[in-house]
Amino acid sequence: MSPVLFQPRPRSEAPFEAAGDVLRVISDPRTPVFVTVHASGRRRYGYWQPYDSATNRGGCYVALSTPVCDRLHSEGRIMLGDPLVDPAKTTYRVWPTRTPATPIRIPVTPMHAAAQTLAA
């Protein structure tokens, strides 16, 4: 059996398919998401997952994909709240940006010449 060669991908090139899942977590008002920026510049996005006795899961800190969150932030799809500064790190609340609704354009038909003379 021949060995399968995998091309390792740098962490900065993480797949962006998870963006929908990350936005779903960030948009849930019951799940506050934070980013911690350490003094070294390292960033870590995450949230606290409460314990669920039905599934026997949770009660732990869950990290989100940093490259995906950084890309969402650079695209303006998430924003950071006010900083909480500590000597070794700074913590921000992560919020989804609200996209304004696109205005509805109602097409206007031009008036015929006869209707224009009657309107005048």
PDB file of N, CA and C in Angstrom:
ATOM      1  N   MET A   1       0.852  -1.168   0.000  1.00  0.00           N
ATOM      2  CA  MET A   1       0.000   0.000   0.000  1.00  0.00           C
ATOM      3  C   MET A   1       0.896   1.228   0.000  1.00  0.00           C
ATOM      4  N   SER A   2       0.633   2.148  -0.897  1.00  0.00           N
ATOM      5  CA  SER A   2       1.480   3.330  -0.993  1.00  0.00           C
ATOM      6  C   SER A   2       1.032   4.388   0.004  1.00  0.00           C
ATOM      7  N   PRO A   3       1.971   5.138   0.542  1.00  0.00           N
ATOM      8  CA  PRO A   3       1.594   6.177   1.504  1.00  0.00           C
ATOM      9  C   PRO A   3       0.880   7.327   0.773  1.00  0.00           C
ATOM     10  N   VAL A   4      -0.077   7.895   1.462  1.00  0.00           N
ATOM     11  CA  VAL A   4      -0.819   9.027   0.913  1.00  0.00           C
ATOM     12  C   VAL A   4      -0.124  10.301   1.358  1.00  0.00           C
ATOM     13  N   LEU A   5       0.204  11.141   0.391  1.00  0.00           N
ATOM     14  CA  LEU A   5       0.878  12.383   0.714  1.00  0.00           C
ATOM     15  C   LEU A   5      -0.143  13.509   0.842  1.00  0.00           C
ATOM     16  N   PHE A   6      -0.115  14.164   1.933  1.00  0.00           N
ATOM     17  CA  PHE A   6      -0.997  15.293   2.174  1.00  0.00           C
ATOM     18  C   PHE A   6      -0.197  16.577   2.068  1.00  0.00           C
ATOM     19  N   GLN A   7      -0.781  17.563   1.462  1.00  0.00           N
ATOM     20  CA  GLN A   7      -0.163  18.876   1.401  1.00  0.00           C
ATOM     21  C   GLN A   7      -0.649  19.662   2.613  1.00  0.00           C
ATOM     22  N   PRO A   8       0.206  19.865   3.595  1.00  0.00           N
ATOM     23  CA  PRO A   8      -0.250  20.621   4.755  1.00  0.00           C
ATOM     24  C   PRO A   8      -0.585  22.050   4.364  1.00  0.00           C
ATOM     25  N   ARG A   9      -1.603  22.563   4.993  1.00  0.00           N
ATOM     26  CA  ARG A   9      -2.057  23.915   4.714  1.00  0.00           C
ATOM     27  C   ARG A   9      -1.711  24.796   5.906  1.00  0.00           C
ATOM     28  N   PRO A  10      -1.154  25.982   5.667  1.00  0.00           N
ATOM     29  CA  PRO A  10      -0.861  26.863   6.797  1.00  0.00           C
ATOM     30  C   PRO A  10      -2.151  27.214   7.544  1.00  0.00           C
ATOM     31  N   ARG A  11      -2.031  27.471   8.819  1.00  0.00           N
ATOM     32  CA  ARG A  11      -3.212  27.781   9.628  1.00  0.00           C
ATOM     33  C   ARG A  11      -3.918  29.029   9.148  1.00  0.00           C
ATOM     34  N   SER A  12      -3.180  29.951   8.527  1.00  0.00           N
ATOM     35  CA  SER A  12      -3.805  31.183   8.058  1.00  0.00           C
ATOM     36  C   SER A  12      -4.737  30.930   6.882  1.00  0.00           C
ATOM     37  N   GLU A  13      -4.626  29.760   6.235  1.00  0.00           N
ATOM     38  CA  GLU A  13      -5.478  29.429   5.101  1.00  0.00           C
ATOM     39  C   GLU A  13      -6.561  28.437   5.504  1.00  0.00           C
ATOM     40  N   ALA A  14      -7.157  28.619   6.651  1.00  0.00           N
ATOM     41  CA  ALA A  14      -8.217  27.729   7.099  1.00  0.00           C
ATOM     42  C   ALA A  14      -9.416  27.846   6.172  1.00  0.00           C
ATOM     43  N   PRO A  15     -10.138  26.768   5.969  1.00  0.00           N
ATOM     44  CA  PRO A  15     -11.299  26.841   5.081  1.00  0.00           C
ATOM     45  C   PRO A  15     -12.340  27.794   5.649  1.00  0.00           C
ATOM     46  N   PHE A  16     -13.025  28.482   4.740  1.00  0.00           N
ATOM     47  CA  PHE A  16     -13.986  29.494   5.179  1.00  0.00           C
ATOM     48  C   PHE A  16     -15.410  28.937   5.222  1.00  0.00           C
ATOM     49  N   GLU A  17     -15.572  27.628   5.074  1.00  0.00           N
ATOM     50  CA  GLU A  17     -16.906  27.047   5.136  1.00  0.00           C
ATOM     51  C   GLU A  17     -17.518  27.185   6.525  1.00  0.00           C
ATOM     52  N   ALA A  18     -16.690  27.297   7.541  1.00  0.00           N
ATOM     53  CA  ALA A  18     -17.176  27.373   8.910  1.00  0.00           C
ATOM     54  C   ALA A  18     -17.694  28.759   9.282  1.00  0.00           C
ATOM     55  N   ALA A  19     -17.631  29.718   8.372  1.00  0.00           N
ATOM     56  CA  ALA A  19     -18.054  31.083   8.691  1.00  0.00           C
ATOM     57  C   ALA A  19     -19.509  31.138   9.096  1.00  0.00           C
ATOM     58  N   GLY A  20     -20.352  30.347   8.458  1.00  0.00           N
ATOM     59  CA  GLY A  20     -21.773  30.331   8.815  1.00  0.00           C
ATOM     60  C   GLY A  20     -21.990  29.848  10.233  1.00  0.00           C
ATOM     61  N   ASP A  21     -21.267  28.803  10.627  1.00  0.00           N
ATOM     62  CA  ASP A  21     -21.388  28.297  11.991  1.00  0.00           C
ATOM     63  C   ASP A  21     -20.872  29.311  13.005  1.00  0.00           C
ATOM     64  N   VAL A  22     -19.769  29.969  12.674  1.00  0.00           N
ATOM     65  CA  VAL A  22     -19.208  30.974  13.577  1.00  0.00           C
ATOM     66  C   VAL A  22     -20.176  32.150  13.723  1.00  0.00           C
ATOM     67  N   LEU A  23     -20.748  32.616  12.619  1.00  0.00           N
ATOM     68  CA  LEU A  23     -21.716  33.715  12.693  1.00  0.00           C
ATOM     69  C   LEU A  23     -22.957  33.318  13.465  1.00  0.00           C
ATOM     70  N   ARG A  24     -23.377  32.064  13.340  1.00  0.00           N
ATOM     71  CA  ARG A  24     -24.537  31.595  14.090  1.00  0.00           C
ATOM     72  C   ARG A  24     -24.268  31.664  15.590  1.00  0.00           C
ATOM     73  N   VAL A  25     -23.077  31.253  16.010  1.00  0.00           N
ATOM     74  CA  VAL A  25     -22.724  31.295  17.434  1.00  0.00           C
ATOM     75  C   VAL A  25     -22.635  32.746  17.911  1.00  0.00           C
ATOM     76  N   ILE A  26     -21.993  33.606  17.117  1.00  0.00           N
ATOM     77  CA  ILE A  26     -21.822  35.004  17.514  1.00  0.00           C
ATOM     78  C   ILE A  26     -23.166  35.723  17.555  1.00  0.00           C
ATOM     79  N   SER A  27     -24.081  35.364  16.666  1.00  0.00           N
ATOM     80  CA  SER A  27     -25.378  36.034  16.599  1.00  0.00           C
ATOM     81  C   SER A  27     -26.345  35.586  17.682  1.00  0.00           C
ATOM     82  N   ASP A  28     -26.063  34.483  18.346  1.00  0.00           N
ATOM     83  CA  ASP A  28     -26.944  33.990  19.405  1.00  0.00           C
ATOM     84  C   ASP A  28     -26.793  34.869  20.642  1.00  0.00           C
ATOM     85  N   PRO A  29     -27.851  35.598  21.042  1.00  0.00           N
ATOM     86  CA  PRO A  29     -27.718  36.490  22.204  1.00  0.00           C
ATOM     87  C   PRO A  29     -27.489  35.752  23.521  1.00  0.00           C
ATOM     88  N   ARG A  30     -27.759  34.448  23.565  1.00  0.00           N
ATOM     89  CA  ARG A  30     -27.534  33.669  24.792  1.00  0.00           C
ATOM     90  C   ARG A  30     -26.092  33.219  24.941  1.00  0.00           C
ATOM     91  N   THR A  31     -25.277  33.432  23.894  1.00  0.00           N
ATOM     92  CA  THR A  31     -23.887  32.983  23.898  1.00  0.00           C
ATOM     93  C   THR A  31     -22.962  34.170  23.684  1.00  0.00           C
ATOM     94  N   PRO A  32     -22.532  34.834  24.754  1.00  0.00           N
ATOM     95  CA  PRO A  32     -21.587  35.941  24.551  1.00  0.00           C
ATOM     96  C   PRO A  32     -20.217  35.422  24.117  1.00  0.00           C
ATOM     97  N   VAL A  33     -19.728  35.981  23.015  1.00  0.00           N
ATOM     98  CA  VAL A  33     -18.434  35.590  22.458  1.00  0.00           C
ATOM     99  C   VAL A  33     -17.437  36.713  22.737  1.00  0.00           C
ATOM    100  N   PHE A  34     -16.217  36.336  23.097  1.00  0.00           N
ATOM    101  CA  PHE A  34     -15.166  37.302  23.415  1.00  0.00           C
ATOM    102  C   PHE A  34     -13.918  36.969  22.619  1.00  0.00           C
ATOM    103  N   VAL A  35     -13.100  37.992  22.384  1.00  0.00           N
ATOM    104  CA  VAL A  35     -11.772  37.783  21.815  1.00  0.00           C
ATOM    105  C   VAL A  35     -10.779  38.322  22.836  1.00  0.00           C
ATOM    106  N   THR A  36      -9.760  37.531  23.112  1.00  0.00           N
ATOM    107  CA  THR A  36      -8.693  37.930  24.013  1.00  0.00           C
ATOM    108  C   THR A  36      -7.442  38.175  23.183  1.00  0.00           C
ATOM    109  N   VAL A  37      -6.898  39.378  23.299  1.00  0.00           N
ATOM    110  CA  VAL A  37      -5.668  39.734  22.597  1.00  0.00           C
ATOM    111  C   VAL A  37      -4.565  39.793  23.656  1.00  0.00           C
ATOM    112  N   HIS A  38      -3.640  38.859  23.573  1.00  0.00           N
ATOM    113  CA  HIS A  38      -2.556  38.787  24.554  1.00  0.00           C
ATOM    114  C   HIS A  38      -1.483  39.823  24.228  1.00  0.00           C
ATOM    115  N   ALA A  39      -0.614  40.090  25.190  1.00  0.00           N
ATOM    116  CA  ALA A  39       0.446  41.092  25.007  1.00  0.00           C
ATOM    117  C   ALA A  39       1.366  40.734  23.843  1.00  0.00           C
ATOM    118  N   SER A  40       1.490  39.457  23.543  1.00  0.00           N
ATOM    119  CA  SER A  40       2.331  39.026  22.420  1.00  0.00           C
ATOM    120  C   SER A  40       1.647  39.252  21.072  1.00  0.00           C
ATOM    121  N   GLY A  41       0.367  39.614  21.085  1.00  0.00           N
ATOM    122  CA  GLY A  41      -0.376  39.833  19.848  1.00  0.00           C
ATOM    123  C   GLY A  41      -1.256  38.659  19.461  1.00  0.00           C
ATOM    124  N   ARG A  42      -1.140  37.543  20.160  1.00  0.00           N
ATOM    125  CA  ARG A  42      -1.950  36.360  19.867  1.00  0.00           C
ATOM    126  C   ARG A  42      -3.406  36.642  20.218  1.00  0.00           C
ATOM    127  N   ARG A  43      -4.315  36.265  19.311  1.00  0.00           N
ATOM    128  CA  ARG A  43      -5.741  36.458  19.526  1.00  0.00           C
ATOM    129  C   ARG A  43      -6.418  35.106  19.683  1.00  0.00           C
ATOM    130  N   ARG A  44      -7.449  35.079  20.532  1.00  0.00           N
ATOM    131  CA  ARG A  44      -8.210  33.846  20.726  1.00  0.00           C
ATOM    132  C   ARG A  44      -9.672  34.212  20.886  1.00  0.00           C
ATOM    133  N   TYR A  45     -10.523  33.711  19.996  1.00  0.00           N
ATOM    134  CA  TYR A  45     -11.964  33.928  20.060  1.00  0.00           C
ATOM    135  C   TYR A  45     -12.602  32.733  20.744  1.00  0.00           C
ATOM    136  N   GLY A  46     -13.588  32.972  21.588  1.00  0.00           N
ATOM    137  CA  GLY A  46     -14.233  31.850  22.242  1.00  0.00           C
ATOM    138  C   GLY A  46     -15.428  32.260  23.073  1.00  0.00           C
ATOM    139  N   TYR A  47     -16.095  31.256  23.616  1.00  0.00           N
ATOM    140  CA  TYR A  47     -17.276  31.463  24.453  1.00  0.00           C
ATOM    141  C   TYR A  47     -17.365  30.335  25.468  1.00  0.00           C
ATOM    142  N   TRP A  48     -18.187  30.546  26.494  1.00  0.00           N
ATOM    143  CA  TRP A  48     -18.407  29.546  27.518  1.00  0.00           C
ATOM    144  C   TRP A  48     -19.638  28.739  27.148  1.00  0.00           C
ATOM    145  N   GLN A  49     -19.505  27.423  27.082  1.00  0.00           N
ATOM    146  CA  GLN A  49     -20.627  26.553  26.789  1.00  0.00           C
ATOM    147  C   GLN A  49     -21.140  25.984  28.102  1.00  0.00           C
ATOM    148  N   PRO A  50     -22.374  26.333  28.488  1.00  0.00           N
ATOM    149  CA  PRO A  50     -22.890  25.826  29.756  1.00  0.00           C
ATOM    150  C   PRO A  50     -23.120  24.309  29.701  1.00  0.00           C
ATOM    151  N   TYR A  51     -23.149  23.715  30.872  1.00  0.00           N
ATOM    152  CA  TYR A  51     -23.338  22.271  30.975  1.00  0.00           C
ATOM    153  C   TYR A  51     -24.777  21.909  30.633  1.00  0.00           C
ATOM    154  N   ASP A  52     -24.948  20.873  29.819  1.00  0.00           N
ATOM    155  CA  ASP A  52     -26.261  20.360  29.443  1.00  0.00           C
ATOM    156  C   ASP A  52     -26.392  18.953  30.011  1.00  0.00           C
ATOM    157  N   SER A  53     -27.273  18.774  30.993  1.00  0.00           N
ATOM    158  CA  SER A  53     -27.395  17.468  31.640  1.00  0.00           C
ATOM    159  C   SER A  53     -28.057  16.442  30.722  1.00  0.00           C
ATOM    160  N   ALA A  54     -28.811  16.890  29.743  1.00  0.00           N
ATOM    161  CA  ALA A  54     -29.455  15.947  28.823  1.00  0.00           C
ATOM    162  C   ALA A  54     -28.433  15.254  27.927  1.00  0.00           C
ATOM    163  N   THR A  55     -27.459  16.005  27.451  1.00  0.00           N
ATOM    164  CA  THR A  55     -26.440  15.421  26.572  1.00  0.00           C
ATOM    165  C   THR A  55     -25.149  15.098  27.309  1.00  0.00           C
ATOM    166  N   ASN A  56     -25.056  15.511  28.566  1.00  0.00           N
ATOM    167  CA  ASN A  56     -23.859  15.309  29.383  1.00  0.00           C
ATOM    168  C   ASN A  56     -22.641  15.962  28.733  1.00  0.00           C
ATOM    169  N   ARG A  57     -22.870  17.124  28.095  1.00  0.00           N
ATOM    170  CA  ARG A  57     -21.797  17.860  27.437  1.00  0.00           C
ATOM    171  C   ARG A  57     -21.811  19.297  27.928  1.00  0.00           C
ATOM    172  N   GLY A  58     -20.700  19.961  27.726  1.00  0.00           N
ATOM    173  CA  GLY A  58     -20.616  21.375  28.055  1.00  0.00           C
ATOM    174  C   GLY A  58     -19.848  21.611  29.338  1.00  0.00           C
ATOM    175  N   GLY A  59     -20.075  22.791  29.914  1.00  0.00           N
ATOM    176  CA  GLY A  59     -19.346  23.173  31.110  1.00  0.00           C
ATOM    177  C   GLY A  59     -17.890  23.442  30.802  1.00  0.00           C
ATOM    178  N   CYS A  60     -17.647  24.016  29.618  1.00  0.00           N
ATOM    179  CA  CYS A  60     -16.257  24.238  29.216  1.00  0.00           C
ATOM    180  C   CYS A  60     -16.159  25.469  28.317  1.00  0.00           C
ATOM    181  N   TYR A  61     -14.946  25.911  28.129  1.00  0.00           N
ATOM    182  CA  TYR A  61     -14.650  27.036  27.257  1.00  0.00           C
ATOM    183  C   TYR A  61     -14.440  26.491  25.847  1.00  0.00           C
ATOM    184  N   VAL A  62     -15.114  27.082  24.865  1.00  0.00           N
ATOM    185  CA  VAL A  62     -15.024  26.618  23.484  1.00  0.00           C
ATOM    186  C   VAL A  62     -14.344  27.696  22.643  1.00  0.00           C
ATOM    187  N   ALA A  63     -13.299  27.330  21.956  1.00  0.00           N
ATOM    188  CA  ALA A  63     -12.583  28.274  21.094  1.00  0.00           C
ATOM    189  C   ALA A  63     -13.166  28.227  19.689  1.00  0.00           C
ATOM    190  N   LEU A  64     -13.221  29.388  19.059  1.00  0.00           N
ATOM    191  CA  LEU A  64     -13.639  29.491  17.670  1.00  0.00           C
ATOM    192  C   LEU A  64     -12.399  29.621  16.791  1.00  0.00           C
ATOM    193  N   SER A  65     -12.550  29.334  15.527  1.00  0.00           N
ATOM    194  CA  SER A  65     -11.429  29.395  14.597  1.00  0.00           C
ATOM    195  C   SER A  65     -10.946  30.840  14.449  1.00  0.00           C
ATOM    196  N   THR A  66      -9.712  31.089  14.838  1.00  0.00           N
ATOM    197  CA  THR A  66      -9.157  32.446  14.763  1.00  0.00           C
ATOM    198  C   THR A  66      -9.070  32.958  13.332  1.00  0.00           C
ATOM    199  N   PRO A  67      -8.592  32.169  12.352  1.00  0.00           N
ATOM    200  CA  PRO A  67      -8.548  32.697  10.976  1.00  0.00           C
ATOM    201  C   PRO A  67      -9.926  33.058  10.426  1.00  0.00           C
ATOM    202  N   VAL A  68     -10.936  32.250  10.753  1.00  0.00           N
ATOM    203  CA  VAL A  68     -12.287  32.543  10.275  1.00  0.00           C
ATOM    204  C   VAL A  68     -12.811  33.815  10.931  1.00  0.00           C
ATOM    205  N   CYS A  69     -12.623  33.953  12.240  1.00  0.00           N
ATOM    206  CA  CYS A  69     -13.093  35.150  12.949  1.00  0.00           C
ATOM    207  C   CYS A  69     -12.343  36.394  12.476  1.00  0.00           C
ATOM    208  N   ASP A  70     -11.037  36.274  12.264  1.00  0.00           N
ATOM    209  CA  ASP A  70     -10.267  37.414  11.754  1.00  0.00           C
ATOM    210  C   ASP A  70     -10.764  37.834  10.377  1.00  0.00           C
ATOM    211  N   ARG A  71     -11.093  36.854   9.551  1.00  0.00           N
ATOM    212  CA  ARG A  71     -11.600  37.184   8.215  1.00  0.00           C
ATOM    213  C   ARG A  71     -12.974  37.858   8.305  1.00  0.00           C
ATOM    214  N   LEU A  72     -13.847  37.368   9.179  1.00  0.00           N
ATOM    215  CA  LEU A  72     -15.150  38.005   9.373  1.00  0.00           C
ATOM    216  C   LEU A  72     -14.981  39.437   9.866  1.00  0.00           C
ATOM    217  N   HIS A  73     -14.004  39.658  10.754  1.00  0.00           N
ATOM    218  CA  HIS A  73     -13.756  40.999  11.269  1.00  0.00           C
ATOM    219  C   HIS A  73     -13.217  41.910  10.174  1.00  0.00           C
ATOM    220  N   SER A  74     -12.309  41.400   9.344  1.00  0.00           N
ATOM    221  CA  SER A  74     -11.748  42.230   8.280  1.00  0.00           C
ATOM    222  C   SER A  74     -12.794  42.558   7.217  1.00  0.00           C
ATOM    223  N   GLU A  75     -13.778  41.676   7.034  1.00  0.00           N
ATOM    224  CA  GLU A  75     -14.856  41.932   6.082  1.00  0.00           C
ATOM    225  C   GLU A  75     -15.955  42.808   6.661  1.00  0.00           C
ATOM    226  N   GLY A  76     -15.866  43.130   7.951  1.00  0.00           N
ATOM    227  CA  GLY A  76     -16.865  43.982   8.578  1.00  0.00           C
ATOM    228  C   GLY A  76     -18.134  43.258   8.971  1.00  0.00           C
ATOM    229  N   ARG A  77     -18.080  41.933   9.095  1.00  0.00           N
ATOM    230  CA  ARG A  77     -19.275  41.174   9.455  1.00  0.00           C
ATOM    231  C   ARG A  77     -19.411  40.985  10.957  1.00  0.00           C
ATOM    232  N   ILE A  78     -18.317  41.198  11.695  1.00  0.00           N
ATOM    233  CA  ILE A  78     -18.368  41.228  13.157  1.00  0.00           C
ATOM    234  C   ILE A  78     -17.605  42.454  13.623  1.00  0.00           C
ATOM    235  N   MET A  79     -17.961  42.930  14.811  1.00  0.00           N
ATOM    236  CA  MET A  79     -17.273  44.091  15.371  1.00  0.00           C
ATOM    237  C   MET A  79     -16.923  43.797  16.819  1.00  0.00           C
ATOM    238  N   LEU A  80     -15.986  44.582  17.348  1.00  0.00           N
ATOM    239  CA  LEU A  80     -15.524  44.399  18.721  1.00  0.00           C
ATOM    240  C   LEU A  80     -16.095  45.491  19.594  1.00  0.00           C
ATOM    241  N   GLY A  81     -16.460  45.111  20.812  1.00  0.00           N
ATOM    242  CA  GLY A  81     -16.997  46.065  21.766  1.00  0.00           C
ATOM    243  C   GLY A  81     -15.893  46.810  22.492  1.00  0.00           C
ATOM    244  N   ASP A  82     -16.249  47.416  23.629  1.00  0.00           N
ATOM    245  CA  ASP A  82     -15.288  48.178  24.428  1.00  0.00           C
ATOM    246  C   ASP A  82     -14.238  47.244  25.029  1.00  0.00           C
ATOM    247  N   PRO A  83     -12.987  47.703  25.098  1.00  0.00           N
ATOM    248  CA  PRO A  83     -11.927  46.841  25.632  1.00  0.00           C
ATOM    249  C   PRO A  83     -11.944  46.776  27.155  1.00  0.00           C
ATOM    250  N   LEU A  84     -11.585  45.622  27.665  1.00  0.00           N
ATOM    251  CA  LEU A  84     -11.338  45.424  29.086  1.00  0.00           C
ATOM    252  C   LEU A  84      -9.852  45.124  29.192  1.00  0.00           C
ATOM    253  N   VAL A  85      -9.081  46.102  29.689  1.00  0.00           N
ATOM    254  CA  VAL A  85      -7.621  46.032  29.642  1.00  0.00           C
ATOM    255  C   VAL A  85      -7.080  45.435  30.930  1.00  0.00           C
ATOM    256  N   ASP A  86      -6.172  44.510  30.762  1.00  0.00           N
ATOM    257  CA  ASP A  86      -5.468  43.831  31.835  1.00  0.00           C
ATOM    258  C   ASP A  86      -3.982  43.976  31.498  1.00  0.00           C
ATOM    259  N   PRO A  87      -3.053  43.901  32.452  1.00  0.00           N
ATOM    260  CA  PRO A  87      -1.635  44.051  32.095  1.00  0.00           C
ATOM    261  C   PRO A  87      -1.144  43.045  31.054  1.00  0.00           C
ATOM    262  N   ALA A  88      -1.676  41.855  31.036  1.00  0.00           N
ATOM    263  CA  ALA A  88      -1.173  40.833  30.116  1.00  0.00           C
ATOM    264  C   ALA A  88      -2.059  40.625  28.888  1.00  0.00           C
ATOM    265  N   LYS A  89      -3.288  41.172  28.909  1.00  0.00           N
ATOM    266  CA  LYS A  89      -4.186  40.928  27.792  1.00  0.00           C
ATOM    267  C   LYS A  89      -5.288  41.978  27.751  1.00  0.00           C
ATOM    268  N   THR A  90      -5.957  42.043  26.620  1.00  0.00           N
ATOM    269  CA  THR A  90      -7.115  42.904  26.442  1.00  0.00           C
ATOM    270  C   THR A  90      -8.243  42.046  25.906  1.00  0.00           C
ATOM    271  N   THR A  91      -9.426  42.175  26.496  1.00  0.00           N
ATOM    272  CA  THR A  91     -10.562  41.361  26.102  1.00  0.00           C
ATOM    273  C   THR A  91     -11.652  42.254  25.530  1.00  0.00           C
ATOM    274  N   TYR A  92     -12.242  41.818  24.419  1.00  0.00           N
ATOM    275  CA  TYR A  92     -13.322  42.544  23.746  1.00  0.00           C
ATOM    276  C   TYR A  92     -14.520  41.618  23.587  1.00  0.00           C
ATOM    277  N   ARG A  93     -15.704  42.165  23.694  1.00  0.00           N
ATOM    278  CA  ARG A  93     -16.913  41.413  23.347  1.00  0.00           C
ATOM    279  C   ARG A  93     -17.049  41.457  21.830  1.00  0.00           C
ATOM    280  N   VAL A  94     -17.436  40.353  21.232  1.00  0.00           N
ATOM    281  CA  VAL A  94     -17.605  40.263  19.785  1.00  0.00           C
ATOM    282  C   VAL A  94     -19.098  40.330  19.471  1.00  0.00           C
ATOM    283  N   TRP A  95     -19.451  41.207  18.548  1.00  0.00           N
ATOM    284  CA  TRP A  95     -20.846  41.406  18.154  1.00  0.00           C
ATOM    285  C   TRP A  95     -20.985  41.209  16.652  1.00  0.00           C
ATOM    286  N   PRO A  96     -22.112  40.677  16.211  1.00  0.00           N
ATOM    287  CA  PRO A  96     -22.352  40.662  14.761  1.00  0.00           C
ATOM    288  C   PRO A  96     -22.747  42.066  14.314  1.00  0.00           C
ATOM    289  N   THR A  97     -22.328  42.450  13.134  1.00  0.00           N
ATOM    290  CA  THR A  97     -22.742  43.757  12.622  1.00  0.00           C
ATOM    291  C   THR A  97     -24.132  43.611  12.042  1.00  0.00           C
ATOM    292  N   ARG A  98     -24.871  44.662  12.167  1.00  0.00           N
ATOM    293  CA  ARG A  98     -26.218  44.662  11.618  1.00  0.00           C
ATOM    294  C   ARG A  98     -26.136  45.171  10.192  1.00  0.00           C
ATOM    295  N   THR A  99     -26.604  44.375   9.282  1.00  0.00           N
ATOM    296  CA  THR A  99     -26.600  44.798   7.891  1.00  0.00           C
ATOM    297  C   THR A  99     -27.900  45.537   7.620  1.00  0.00           C
ATOM    298  N   PRO A 100     -27.808  46.755   7.107  1.00  0.00           N
ATOM    299  CA  PRO A 100     -29.032  47.496   6.839  1.00  0.00           C
ATOM    300  C   PRO A 100     -29.834  46.829   5.727  1.00  0.00           C
ATOM    301  N   ALA A 101     -31.133  46.927   5.853  1.00  0.00           N
ATOM    302  CA  ALA A 101     -32.000  46.361   4.832  1.00  0.00           C
ATOM    303  C   ALA A 101     -31.852  47.161   3.550  1.00  0.00           C
ATOM    304  N   THR A 102     -31.848  46.471   2.459  1.00  0.00           N
ATOM    305  CA  THR A 102     -31.732  47.171   1.177  1.00  0.00           C
ATOM    306  C   THR A 102     -33.049  47.868   0.873  1.00  0.00           C
ATOM    307  N   PRO A 103     -32.994  49.110   0.416  1.00  0.00           N
ATOM    308  CA  PRO A 103     -34.234  49.826   0.132  1.00  0.00           C
ATOM    309  C   PRO A 103     -34.961  49.196  -1.056  1.00  0.00           C
ATOM    310  N   ILE A 104     -36.258  49.250  -0.972  1.00  0.00           N
ATOM    311  CA  ILE A 104     -37.079  48.706  -2.051  1.00  0.00           C
ATOM    312  C   ILE A 104     -37.276  49.795  -3.093  1.00  0.00           C
ATOM    313  N   ARG A 105     -36.950  49.475  -4.300  1.00  0.00           N
ATOM    314  CA  ARG A 105     -37.118  50.419  -5.411  1.00  0.00           C
ATOM    315  C   ARG A 105     -38.358  50.013  -6.201  1.00  0.00           C
ATOM    316  N   ILE A 106     -39.299  50.924  -6.271  1.00  0.00           N
ATOM    317  CA  ILE A 106     -40.506  50.674  -7.048  1.00  0.00           C
ATOM    318  C   ILE A 106     -40.303  51.301  -8.422  1.00  0.00           C
ATOM    319  N   PRO A 107     -40.413  50.500  -9.469  1.00  0.00           N
ATOM    320  CA  PRO A 107     -40.199  51.069 -10.793  1.00  0.00           C
ATOM    321  C   PRO A 107     -41.313  52.054 -11.144  1.00  0.00           C
ATOM    322  N   VAL A 108     -40.919  53.149 -11.740  1.00  0.00           N
ATOM    323  CA  VAL A 108     -41.863  54.186 -12.137  1.00  0.00           C
ATOM    324  C   VAL A 108     -41.976  54.148 -13.651  1.00  0.00           C
ATOM    325  N   THR A 109     -43.194  54.039 -14.103  1.00  0.00           N
ATOM    326  CA  THR A 109     -43.398  54.045 -15.554  1.00  0.00           C
ATOM    327  C   THR A 109     -43.551  55.482 -16.014  1.00  0.00           C
ATOM    328  N   PRO A 110     -42.932  55.844 -17.131  1.00  0.00           N
ATOM    329  CA  PRO A 110     -43.068  57.214 -17.615  1.00  0.00           C
ATOM    330  C   PRO A 110     -44.496  57.480 -18.086  1.00  0.00           C
ATOM    331  N   MET A 111     -44.922  58.706 -17.871  1.00  0.00           N
ATOM    332  CA  MET A 111     -46.274  59.108 -18.274  1.00  0.00           C
ATOM    333  C   MET A 111     -46.303  59.354 -19.773  1.00  0.00           C
ATOM    334  N   HIS A 112     -47.399  59.024 -20.380  1.00  0.00           N
ATOM    335  CA  HIS A 112     -47.568  59.283 -21.812  1.00  0.00           C
ATOM    336  C   HIS A 112     -47.791  60.781 -22.038  1.00  0.00           C
ATOM    337  N   ALA A 113     -47.560  61.239 -23.228  1.00  0.00           N
ATOM    338  CA  ALA A 113     -47.703  62.663 -23.561  1.00  0.00           C
ATOM    339  C   ALA A 113     -49.122  63.154 -23.312  1.00  0.00           C
ATOM    340  N   ALA A 114     -50.109  62.332 -23.589  1.00  0.00           N
ATOM    341  CA  ALA A 114     -51.496  62.748 -23.390  1.00  0.00           C
ATOM    342  C   ALA A 114     -51.799  62.909 -21.913  1.00  0.00           C
ATOM    343  N   ALA A 115     -51.278  62.025 -21.087  1.00  0.00           N
ATOM    344  CA  ALA A 115     -51.510  62.136 -19.662  1.00  0.00           C
ATOM    345  C   ALA A 115     -50.775  63.330 -19.089  1.00  0.00           C
ATOM    346  N   GLN A 116     -49.616  63.675 -19.649  1.00  0.00           N
ATOM    347  CA  GLN A 116     -48.867  64.834 -19.165  1.00  0.00           C
ATOM    348  C   GLN A 116     -49.642  66.129 -19.451  1.00  0.00           C
ATOM    349  N   THR A 117     -50.282  66.233 -20.614  1.00  0.00           N
ATOM    350  CA  THR A 117     -51.044  67.455 -20.931  1.00  0.00           C
ATOM    351  C   THR A 117     -52.279  67.556 -20.074  1.00  0.00           C
ATOM    352  N   LEU A 118     -52.900  66.441 -19.725  1.00  0.00           N
ATOM    353  CA  LEU A 118     -54.069  66.475 -18.861  1.00  0.00           C
ATOM    354  C   LEU A 118     -53.681  66.840 -17.430  1.00  0.00           C
ATOM    355  N   ALA A 119     -52.501  66.383 -17.004  1.00  0.00           N
ATOM    356  CA  ALA A 119     -52.053  66.680 -15.651  1.00  0.00           C
ATOM    357  C   ALA A 119     -51.696  68.152 -15.503  1.00  0.00           C
ATOM    358  N   ALA A 120     -51.339  68.810 -16.570  1.00  0.00           N
ATOM    359  CA  ALA A 120     -50.927  70.216 -16.497  1.00  0.00           C
ATOM    360  C   ALA A 120     -52.113  71.076 -16.513  1.00  0.00           C
TER     361      ALA A 120
END
